[in-house]
Amino acid sequence: MTEFFSHVFPYAVWRVLPHPAPGRNEWAVELRDVPNKETNFALIDLAEPALRWQTRPEAADWWTTLTALADDQLFLHNYRFPDLPEPTDLLSLSTKDGLLSWAAPNHIFVKVLDEANIVVATRQQDKVLYKQCHLENGRLATLAEEEMTSTTDSPAYRVPIRYRKGDVYFETLSSFLDKTVNTSGVTVIDYLEASPYIAFSYYIYEKEKIAQYIVVINRKREILYHTCLVEGREGVGRDTMLFKDETLVFLRNSNEFVGIKLSS
C-alpha cells in the first residue's frame, strides 16, 4: 500500500473537506499563512490526481473559513466583525477554477436543499429567516417551511473516532497497537474503520515531545502502511484523517496533503 498522491503547500493546512457527493473525489483545503495573516484556499482532484487550483480571493480575509461543498461550488463564510464569533456573509467559489461565482452579504450557509439549491439564513431584527439560494448564481427566493424540514443524504465520507485515556475502549485499542506495531505509551488514538481495513492515527511521547503516527492494518493484523506524520508537537491535532471512495487522506507535517488507496 503506497501513497498515490502527495502535495506540499507553502502554508499550514487548517482544514480539509471532501466533496459530499459519491463519485466526486474533490477535496477543498483551507490554508493559513500565519506570519502574513492571510488565508488561501485550494482544490485537489484525486481522480486526476492533481492540485486543480490555489487562490486567495480578494473578498476573503484572515477570518474567512471553508464551510461546505455542493455541486460545482465551494462555500466560504466571512466574519465581518472578528470580535463576534458568528459568520456574516457567504461567498461561493467555482470548483472548476477557484474564481468567485457570487456573494450573499448578510446570509450564511445552512445546508444543501437539492441538486440546484442550498438553504441560507439571515437575521431580520430578532428573527432568523431561511431562504432558498440557487447554486449557480446565488439568486435568493422564499422557502416554504416544509422544504426547510426536508432531509438530505448523509455525507459520503467518514471521520475517525477519538479515544483518550479513560474513554471506553481506549485501553483495548492501546493494547492492540502495542502488540501490532510494537509501541508503548500511546496517549491519544483516532480510530477509523474502512472495511476490510482499520486505520489508526496515534500520538506518543518521544524525547519529551509528542509524535504522531498513522498505521493501516488488515484483518490478519498485517501492517500495510505505517509512517510518522509529525515529530516534536506540543499537543495533539484534530481532523487527523478522512476516508471517502476507498481513499484515505491525511496531513504530514501540517502542510502536506497525502492520499492512499484502500481498495477492497
C-alpha atoms as a PDB file:
ATOM      1  CA  MET A   1       0.000   0.000   0.000  1.00  0.00           C
ATOM      2  CA  THR A   2       1.650   3.194  -1.195  1.00  0.00           C
ATOM      3  CA  GLU A   3       0.904   6.889  -1.445  1.00  0.00           C
ATOM      4  CA  PHE A   4      -0.634   7.735  -4.808  1.00  0.00           C
ATOM      5  CA  PHE A   5      -0.773  11.492  -4.232  1.00  0.00           C
ATOM      6  CA  SER A   6       1.194  13.992  -2.184  1.00  0.00           C
ATOM      7  CA  HIS A   7       1.323  17.779  -2.341  1.00  0.00           C
ATOM      8  CA  VAL A   8       3.287  20.108  -0.072  1.00  0.00           C
ATOM      9  CA  PHE A   9       1.633  23.509   0.393  1.00  0.00           C
ATOM     10  CA  PRO A  10       3.602  26.664   1.270  1.00  0.00           C
ATOM     11  CA  TYR A  11       1.287  27.300   4.229  1.00  0.00           C
ATOM     12  CA  ALA A  12      -0.232  25.283   7.063  1.00  0.00           C
ATOM     13  CA  VAL A  13      -3.352  23.289   6.244  1.00  0.00           C
ATOM     14  CA  TRP A  14      -6.149  24.438   8.540  1.00  0.00           C
ATOM     15  CA  ARG A  15      -8.998  22.299   7.265  1.00  0.00           C
ATOM     16  CA  VAL A  16      -9.717  19.661   4.624  1.00  0.00           C
ATOM     17  CA  LEU A  17     -13.227  18.996   3.330  1.00  0.00           C
ATOM     18  CA  PRO A  18     -14.173  16.306   0.777  1.00  0.00           C
ATOM     19  CA  HIS A  19     -16.947  16.774  -1.752  1.00  0.00           C
ATOM     20  CA  PRO A  20     -20.024  15.096  -0.214  1.00  0.00           C
ATOM     21  CA  ALA A  21     -21.289  13.604  -3.494  1.00  0.00           C
ATOM     22  CA  PRO A  22     -20.437   9.935  -4.149  1.00  0.00           C
ATOM     23  CA  GLY A  23     -18.054   9.518  -7.042  1.00  0.00           C
ATOM     24  CA  ARG A  24     -16.587  13.024  -6.789  1.00  0.00           C
ATOM     25  CA  ASN A  25     -13.072  12.780  -5.408  1.00  0.00           C
ATOM     26  CA  GLU A  26     -12.512  16.517  -4.947  1.00  0.00           C
ATOM     27  CA  TRP A  27     -11.044  17.868  -1.714  1.00  0.00           C
ATOM     28  CA  ALA A  28     -11.193  21.503  -0.611  1.00  0.00           C
ATOM     29  CA  VAL A  29      -8.309  22.796   1.501  1.00  0.00           C
ATOM     30  CA  GLU A  30      -8.116  25.855   3.757  1.00  0.00           C
ATOM     31  CA  LEU A  31      -4.588  27.225   4.144  1.00  0.00           C
ATOM     32  CA  ARG A  32      -3.232  29.713   6.671  1.00  0.00           C
ATOM     33  CA  ASP A  33      -0.228  31.943   6.092  1.00  0.00           C
ATOM     34  CA  VAL A  34       0.178  32.766   9.767  1.00  0.00           C
ATOM     35  CA  PRO A  35       3.052  35.330   9.604  1.00  0.00           C
ATOM     36  CA  ASN A  36       1.208  37.411   6.995  1.00  0.00           C
ATOM     37  CA  LYS A  37      -2.288  36.783   8.407  1.00  0.00           C
ATOM     38  CA  GLU A  38      -3.583  35.599   5.028  1.00  0.00           C
ATOM     39  CA  THR A  39      -5.920  32.765   4.107  1.00  0.00           C
ATOM     40  CA  ASN A  40      -5.677  30.722   0.913  1.00  0.00           C
ATOM     41  CA  PHE A  41      -7.960  28.042  -0.475  1.00  0.00           C
ATOM     42  CA  ALA A  42      -7.191  25.151  -2.796  1.00  0.00           C
ATOM     43  CA  LEU A  43      -8.932  22.289  -4.553  1.00  0.00           C
ATOM     44  CA  ILE A  44      -7.363  18.881  -5.115  1.00  0.00           C
ATOM     45  CA  ASP A  45      -8.870  16.421  -7.591  1.00  0.00           C
ATOM     46  CA  LEU A  46      -7.758  12.931  -6.579  1.00  0.00           C
ATOM     47  CA  ALA A  47      -9.375  11.448  -9.698  1.00  0.00           C
ATOM     48  CA  GLU A  48      -6.529  13.011 -11.716  1.00  0.00           C
ATOM     49  CA  PRO A  49      -4.753  13.172  -9.198  1.00  0.00           C
ATOM     50  CA  ALA A  50      -3.620  16.804  -9.170  1.00  0.00           C
ATOM     51  CA  LEU A  51      -3.883  20.179  -7.490  1.00  0.00           C
ATOM     52  CA  ARG A  52      -6.531  21.938  -9.588  1.00  0.00           C
ATOM     53  CA  TRP A  53      -6.050  25.432  -8.164  1.00  0.00           C
ATOM     54  CA  GLN A  54      -4.929  27.520  -5.202  1.00  0.00           C
ATOM     55  CA  THR A  55      -6.189  31.049  -4.656  1.00  0.00           C
ATOM     56  CA  ARG A  56      -6.563  33.933  -2.216  1.00  0.00           C
ATOM     57  CA  PRO A  57      -9.934  35.524  -3.085  1.00  0.00           C
ATOM     58  CA  GLU A  58      -9.987  39.315  -2.885  1.00  0.00           C
ATOM     59  CA  ALA A  59     -13.229  39.149  -0.914  1.00  0.00           C
ATOM     60  CA  ALA A  60     -11.633  36.898   1.724  1.00  0.00           C
ATOM     61  CA  ASP A  61      -9.556  37.895   4.733  1.00  0.00           C
ATOM     62  CA  TRP A  62      -7.796  36.221   7.673  1.00  0.00           C
ATOM     63  CA  TRP A  63     -11.103  35.315   9.289  1.00  0.00           C
ATOM     64  CA  THR A  64     -12.696  33.697   6.216  1.00  0.00           C
ATOM     65  CA  THR A  65     -13.341  29.971   6.666  1.00  0.00           C
ATOM     66  CA  LEU A  66     -14.075  26.977   4.471  1.00  0.00           C
ATOM     67  CA  THR A  67     -17.691  25.963   5.027  1.00  0.00           C
ATOM     68  CA  ALA A  68     -19.081  23.458   2.510  1.00  0.00           C
ATOM     69  CA  LEU A  69     -19.026  21.978  -0.988  1.00  0.00           C
ATOM     70  CA  ALA A  70     -22.046  21.360  -3.198  1.00  0.00           C
ATOM     71  CA  ASP A  71     -22.223  20.576  -6.901  1.00  0.00           C
ATOM     72  CA  ASP A  72     -19.603  22.841  -8.570  1.00  0.00           C
ATOM     73  CA  GLN A  73     -19.413  25.419  -5.766  1.00  0.00           C
ATOM     74  CA  LEU A  74     -17.144  25.815  -2.753  1.00  0.00           C
ATOM     75  CA  PHE A  75     -18.619  27.939   0.053  1.00  0.00           C
ATOM     76  CA  LEU A  76     -16.782  30.290   2.387  1.00  0.00           C
ATOM     77  CA  HIS A  77     -18.009  32.254   5.392  1.00  0.00           C
ATOM     78  CA  ASN A  78     -16.794  35.781   6.029  1.00  0.00           C
ATOM     79  CA  TYR A  79     -16.693  37.241   9.552  1.00  0.00           C
ATOM     80  CA  ARG A  80     -17.296  40.953   9.148  1.00  0.00           C
ATOM     81  CA  PHE A  81     -16.923  41.556  12.884  1.00  0.00           C
ATOM     82  CA  PRO A  82     -13.931  39.473  14.112  1.00  0.00           C
ATOM     83  CA  ASP A  83     -14.790  40.174  17.752  1.00  0.00           C
ATOM     84  CA  LEU A  84     -18.070  38.284  17.272  1.00  0.00           C
ATOM     85  CA  PRO A  85     -17.710  34.508  16.610  1.00  0.00           C
ATOM     86  CA  GLU A  86     -20.564  34.440  14.097  1.00  0.00           C
ATOM     87  CA  PRO A  87     -20.297  34.378  10.290  1.00  0.00           C
ATOM     88  CA  THR A  88     -21.957  37.259   8.471  1.00  0.00           C
ATOM     89  CA  ASP A  89     -21.582  36.682   4.721  1.00  0.00           C
ATOM     90  CA  LEU A  90     -21.459  33.809   2.248  1.00  0.00           C
ATOM     91  CA  LEU A  91     -19.032  33.562  -0.672  1.00  0.00           C
ATOM     92  CA  SER A  92     -19.129  30.978  -3.449  1.00  0.00           C
ATOM     93  CA  LEU A  93     -16.078  29.912  -5.469  1.00  0.00           C
ATOM     94  CA  SER A  94     -16.199  27.767  -8.589  1.00  0.00           C
ATOM     95  CA  THR A  95     -14.647  24.337  -8.025  1.00  0.00           C
ATOM     96  CA  LYS A  96     -13.523  24.447 -11.655  1.00  0.00           C
ATOM     97  CA  ASP A  97     -11.167  27.446 -11.451  1.00  0.00           C
ATOM     98  CA  GLY A  98     -11.393  28.957  -7.947  1.00  0.00           C
ATOM     99  CA  LEU A  99     -12.914  32.225  -9.179  1.00  0.00           C
ATOM    100  CA  LEU A 100     -15.628  33.991  -7.191  1.00  0.00           C
ATOM    101  CA  SER A 101     -19.042  32.934  -8.541  1.00  0.00           C
ATOM    102  CA  TRP A 102     -21.227  35.113  -6.326  1.00  0.00           C
ATOM    103  CA  ALA A 103     -21.610  36.597  -2.840  1.00  0.00           C
ATOM    104  CA  ALA A 104     -24.586  36.737  -0.494  1.00  0.00           C
ATOM    105  CA  PRO A 105     -23.989  39.511   2.087  1.00  0.00           C
ATOM    106  CA  ASN A 106     -25.771  39.065   5.420  1.00  0.00           C
ATOM    107  CA  HIS A 107     -26.518  35.397   4.644  1.00  0.00           C
ATOM    108  CA  ILE A 108     -24.868  32.202   5.870  1.00  0.00           C
ATOM    109  CA  PHE A 109     -24.860  28.604   4.628  1.00  0.00           C
ATOM    110  CA  VAL A 110     -27.240  26.176   6.378  1.00  0.00           C
ATOM    111  CA  LYS A 111     -27.460  23.021   4.255  1.00  0.00           C
ATOM    112  CA  VAL A 112     -27.866  21.591   0.771  1.00  0.00           C
ATOM    113  CA  LEU A 113     -31.516  21.592  -0.308  1.00  0.00           C
ATOM    114  CA  ASP A 114     -31.382  19.733  -3.628  1.00  0.00           C
ATOM    115  CA  GLU A 115     -29.221  19.389  -6.749  1.00  0.00           C
ATOM    116  CA  ALA A 116     -29.654  23.046  -7.701  1.00  0.00           C
ATOM    117  CA  ASN A 117     -30.181  24.911  -4.407  1.00  0.00           C
ATOM    118  CA  ILE A 118     -28.913  25.372  -0.874  1.00  0.00           C
ATOM    119  CA  VAL A 119     -30.587  26.790   2.221  1.00  0.00           C
ATOM    120  CA  VAL A 120     -29.202  30.032   3.642  1.00  0.00           C
ATOM    121  CA  ALA A 121     -30.180  32.071   6.688  1.00  0.00           C
ATOM    122  CA  THR A 122     -30.273  35.771   7.510  1.00  0.00           C
ATOM    123  CA  ARG A 123     -31.204  37.791  10.572  1.00  0.00           C
ATOM    124  CA  GLN A 124     -34.053  40.267  10.394  1.00  0.00           C
ATOM    125  CA  GLN A 125     -34.286  42.094  13.698  1.00  0.00           C
ATOM    126  CA  ASP A 126     -34.623  39.280  16.273  1.00  0.00           C
ATOM    127  CA  LYS A 127     -35.838  36.703  13.773  1.00  0.00           C
ATOM    128  CA  VAL A 128     -33.910  34.215  11.628  1.00  0.00           C
ATOM    129  CA  LEU A 129     -35.223  33.864   8.084  1.00  0.00           C
ATOM    130  CA  TYR A 130     -34.382  30.906   5.854  1.00  0.00           C
ATOM    131  CA  LYS A 131     -34.185  31.259   2.094  1.00  0.00           C
ATOM    132  CA  GLN A 132     -33.522  29.176  -0.960  1.00  0.00           C
ATOM    133  CA  CYS A 133     -30.301  30.078  -2.789  1.00  0.00           C
ATOM    134  CA  HIS A 134     -29.513  28.936  -6.329  1.00  0.00           C
ATOM    135  CA  LEU A 135     -26.135  27.208  -6.510  1.00  0.00           C
ATOM    136  CA  GLU A 136     -25.073  28.589  -9.872  1.00  0.00           C
ATOM    137  CA  ASN A 137     -25.869  32.290  -9.494  1.00  0.00           C
ATOM    138  CA  GLY A 138     -26.725  32.909  -5.811  1.00  0.00           C
ATOM    139  CA  ARG A 139     -30.272  34.041  -6.610  1.00  0.00           C
ATOM    140  CA  LEU A 140     -32.405  34.115  -3.446  1.00  0.00           C
ATOM    141  CA  ALA A 141     -36.036  33.004  -3.168  1.00  0.00           C
ATOM    142  CA  THR A 142     -38.550  32.379  -0.413  1.00  0.00           C
ATOM    143  CA  LEU A 143     -38.506  28.973   1.175  1.00  0.00           C
ATOM    144  CA  ALA A 144     -41.600  27.066   2.285  1.00  0.00           C
ATOM    145  CA  GLU A 145     -41.485  25.705   5.825  1.00  0.00           C
ATOM    146  CA  GLU A 146     -41.966  22.128   4.658  1.00  0.00           C
ATOM    147  CA  GLU A 147     -38.931  22.463   2.374  1.00  0.00           C
ATOM    148  CA  MET A 148     -36.797  23.647   5.267  1.00  0.00           C
ATOM    149  CA  THR A 149     -37.522  20.460   7.193  1.00  0.00           C
ATOM    150  CA  SER A 150     -36.627  18.176   4.281  1.00  0.00           C
ATOM    151  CA  THR A 151     -33.753  15.799   4.937  1.00  0.00           C
ATOM    152  CA  THR A 152     -30.530  15.454   2.968  1.00  0.00           C
ATOM    153  CA  ASP A 153     -28.323  12.427   2.412  1.00  0.00           C
ATOM    154  CA  SER A 154     -25.608  11.637   4.937  1.00  0.00           C
ATOM    155  CA  PRO A 155     -22.085  12.655   3.907  1.00  0.00           C
ATOM    156  CA  ALA A 156     -20.353  10.053   1.735  1.00  0.00           C
ATOM    157  CA  TYR A 157     -17.187  10.216   3.842  1.00  0.00           C
ATOM    158  CA  ARG A 158     -16.069   9.028   7.271  1.00  0.00           C
ATOM    159  CA  VAL A 159     -14.141  10.656  10.076  1.00  0.00           C
ATOM    160  CA  PRO A 160     -12.298   8.831  12.866  1.00  0.00           C
ATOM    161  CA  ILE A 161     -13.456   8.400  16.430  1.00  0.00           C
ATOM    162  CA  ARG A 162     -11.076   9.848  19.004  1.00  0.00           C
ATOM    163  CA  TYR A 163     -10.193   7.944  22.191  1.00  0.00           C
ATOM    164  CA  ARG A 164      -8.277   9.340  25.140  1.00  0.00           C
ATOM    165  CA  LYS A 165      -7.137   7.744  28.389  1.00  0.00           C
ATOM    166  CA  GLY A 166     -10.200   6.972  30.490  1.00  0.00           C
ATOM    167  CA  ASP A 167     -12.514   6.565  27.480  1.00  0.00           C
ATOM    168  CA  VAL A 168     -14.258   3.275  26.840  1.00  0.00           C
ATOM    169  CA  TYR A 169     -12.165   1.045  24.536  1.00  0.00           C
ATOM    170  CA  PHE A 170      -9.026   3.189  24.888  1.00  0.00           C
ATOM    171  CA  GLU A 171      -7.121   0.509  26.789  1.00  0.00           C
ATOM    172  CA  THR A 172      -8.281  -2.160  24.330  1.00  0.00           C
ATOM    173  CA  LEU A 173      -7.143  -0.161  21.315  1.00  0.00           C
ATOM    174  CA  SER A 174      -3.906   0.895  23.027  1.00  0.00           C
ATOM    175  CA  SER A 175      -3.089  -2.740  23.828  1.00  0.00           C
ATOM    176  CA  PHE A 176      -3.869  -3.717  20.234  1.00  0.00           C
ATOM    177  CA  LEU A 177      -1.443  -1.085  18.926  1.00  0.00           C
ATOM    178  CA  ASP A 178       1.243  -2.085  21.437  1.00  0.00           C
ATOM    179  CA  LYS A 179       1.161  -5.677  20.173  1.00  0.00           C
ATOM    180  CA  THR A 180       0.728  -4.870  16.486  1.00  0.00           C
ATOM    181  CA  VAL A 181       3.194  -2.042  15.864  1.00  0.00           C
ATOM    182  CA  ASN A 182       5.448  -2.620  18.893  1.00  0.00           C
ATOM    183  CA  THR A 183       4.855   0.740  20.506  1.00  0.00           C
ATOM    184  CA  SER A 184       4.036   1.886  24.026  1.00  0.00           C
ATOM    185  CA  GLY A 185       2.842   4.953  25.869  1.00  0.00           C
ATOM    186  CA  VAL A 186       0.094   5.906  23.422  1.00  0.00           C
ATOM    187  CA  THR A 187      -1.776   8.991  24.701  1.00  0.00           C
ATOM    188  CA  VAL A 188      -4.477   9.590  22.064  1.00  0.00           C
ATOM    189  CA  ILE A 189      -5.915   7.296  19.376  1.00  0.00           C
ATOM    190  CA  ASP A 190      -8.008   8.168  16.325  1.00  0.00           C
ATOM    191  CA  TYR A 191      -9.776   5.042  15.051  1.00  0.00           C
ATOM    192  CA  LEU A 192     -11.379   4.668  11.634  1.00  0.00           C
ATOM    193  CA  GLU A 193     -12.926   1.570  10.084  1.00  0.00           C
ATOM    194  CA  ALA A 194     -12.535   1.287   6.304  1.00  0.00           C
ATOM    195  CA  SER A 195     -13.536  -2.338   5.769  1.00  0.00           C
ATOM    196  CA  PRO A 196     -11.635  -4.587   5.285  1.00  0.00           C
ATOM    197  CA  TYR A 197      -9.025  -2.271   6.813  1.00  0.00           C
ATOM    198  CA  ILE A 198      -8.582  -0.368  10.056  1.00  0.00           C
ATOM    199  CA  ALA A 199      -6.698   2.934  10.193  1.00  0.00           C
ATOM    200  CA  PHE A 200      -5.201   4.376  13.362  1.00  0.00           C
ATOM    201  CA  SER A 201      -3.660   7.760  13.976  1.00  0.00           C
ATOM    202  CA  TYR A 202      -1.922   7.686  17.345  1.00  0.00           C
ATOM    203  CA  TYR A 203       0.178  10.030  19.457  1.00  0.00           C
ATOM    204  CA  ILE A 204       3.104   9.044  21.678  1.00  0.00           C
ATOM    205  CA  TYR A 205       5.781  10.902  23.637  1.00  0.00           C
ATOM    206  CA  GLU A 206       9.248  10.887  22.080  1.00  0.00           C
ATOM    207  CA  LYS A 207      12.070  12.924  23.640  1.00  0.00           C
ATOM    208  CA  GLU A 208       9.567  14.845  25.808  1.00  0.00           C
ATOM    209  CA  LYS A 209       7.621  15.906  22.714  1.00  0.00           C
ATOM    210  CA  ILE A 210       4.590  14.392  21.013  1.00  0.00           C
ATOM    211  CA  ALA A 211       4.939  12.445  17.771  1.00  0.00           C
ATOM    212  CA  GLN A 212       2.022  11.418  15.557  1.00  0.00           C
ATOM    213  CA  TYR A 213       1.904   8.229  13.503  1.00  0.00           C
ATOM    214  CA  ILE A 214      -0.578   6.620  11.134  1.00  0.00           C
ATOM    215  CA  VAL A 215      -0.948   2.890  10.529  1.00  0.00           C
ATOM    216  CA  VAL A 216      -3.269   0.851   8.291  1.00  0.00           C
ATOM    217  CA  ILE A 217      -3.884  -2.787   9.224  1.00  0.00           C
ATOM    218  CA  ASN A 218      -5.904  -5.562   7.574  1.00  0.00           C
ATOM    219  CA  ARG A 219      -7.998  -8.237   9.287  1.00  0.00           C
ATOM    220  CA  LYS A 220      -4.973 -10.523   9.584  1.00  0.00           C
ATOM    221  CA  ARG A 221      -3.218  -7.859  11.654  1.00  0.00           C
ATOM    222  CA  GLU A 222      -0.759  -7.285   8.835  1.00  0.00           C
ATOM    223  CA  ILE A 223       0.713  -3.783   8.697  1.00  0.00           C
ATOM    224  CA  LEU A 224       0.109  -2.398   5.211  1.00  0.00           C
ATOM    225  CA  TYR A 225       1.168   1.199   5.826  1.00  0.00           C
ATOM    226  CA  HIS A 226       2.935   2.801   8.782  1.00  0.00           C
ATOM    227  CA  THR A 227       4.653   6.178   8.915  1.00  0.00           C
ATOM    228  CA  CYS A 228       5.400   9.124  11.180  1.00  0.00           C
ATOM    229  CA  LEU A 229       3.337  12.191  10.301  1.00  0.00           C
ATOM    230  CA  VAL A 230       4.961  14.756  12.557  1.00  0.00           C
ATOM    231  CA  GLU A 231       7.507  14.924  15.364  1.00  0.00           C
ATOM    232  CA  GLY A 232       8.097  17.447  18.120  1.00  0.00           C
ATOM    233  CA  ARG A 233       4.491  18.508  18.607  1.00  0.00           C
ATOM    234  CA  GLU A 234       3.454  20.449  21.699  1.00  0.00           C
ATOM    235  CA  GLY A 235      -0.009  18.863  21.659  1.00  0.00           C
ATOM    236  CA  VAL A 236      -2.343  16.679  19.627  1.00  0.00           C
ATOM    237  CA  GLY A 237      -4.044  17.789  16.441  1.00  0.00           C
ATOM    238  CA  ARG A 238      -7.584  17.378  15.125  1.00  0.00           C
ATOM    239  CA  ASP A 239      -9.201  16.095  11.917  1.00  0.00           C
ATOM    240  CA  THR A 240      -6.271  13.713  11.502  1.00  0.00           C
ATOM    241  CA  MET A 241      -7.665  11.660   8.602  1.00  0.00           C
ATOM    242  CA  LEU A 242     -10.689  11.311   6.340  1.00  0.00           C
ATOM    243  CA  PHE A 243     -11.945   8.386   4.256  1.00  0.00           C
ATOM    244  CA  LYS A 244     -14.005   8.586   1.059  1.00  0.00           C
ATOM    245  CA  ASP A 245     -14.387   6.423  -2.058  1.00  0.00           C
ATOM    246  CA  GLU A 246     -11.646   3.994  -0.961  1.00  0.00           C
ATOM    247  CA  THR A 247      -9.286   6.926  -0.404  1.00  0.00           C
ATOM    248  CA  LEU A 248      -7.661   7.722   2.935  1.00  0.00           C
ATOM    249  CA  VAL A 249      -6.453  11.327   3.231  1.00  0.00           C
ATOM    250  CA  PHE A 250      -4.252  12.748   5.985  1.00  0.00           C
ATOM    251  CA  LEU A 251      -1.724  15.504   6.660  1.00  0.00           C
ATOM    252  CA  ARG A 252       2.019  15.221   7.186  1.00  0.00           C
ATOM    253  CA  ASN A 253       3.990  17.989   8.901  1.00  0.00           C
ATOM    254  CA  SER A 254       0.866  20.190   8.890  1.00  0.00           C
ATOM    255  CA  ASN A 255       1.303  21.297   5.263  1.00  0.00           C
ATOM    256  CA  GLU A 256       1.500  18.116   3.172  1.00  0.00           C
ATOM    257  CA  PHE A 257      -1.716  16.600   1.818  1.00  0.00           C
ATOM    258  CA  VAL A 258      -1.348  12.818   1.324  1.00  0.00           C
ATOM    259  CA  GLY A 259      -3.713  10.253  -0.185  1.00  0.00           C
ATOM    260  CA  ILE A 260      -3.508   6.450  -0.244  1.00  0.00           C
ATOM    261  CA  LYS A 261      -5.884   3.936  -1.811  1.00  0.00           C
ATOM    262  CA  LEU A 262      -7.623   1.349   0.382  1.00  0.00           C
ATOM    263  CA  SER A 263      -9.113  -0.919  -2.285  1.00  0.00           C
ATOM    264  CA  SER A 264     -11.087  -3.941  -1.074  1.00  0.00           C
END
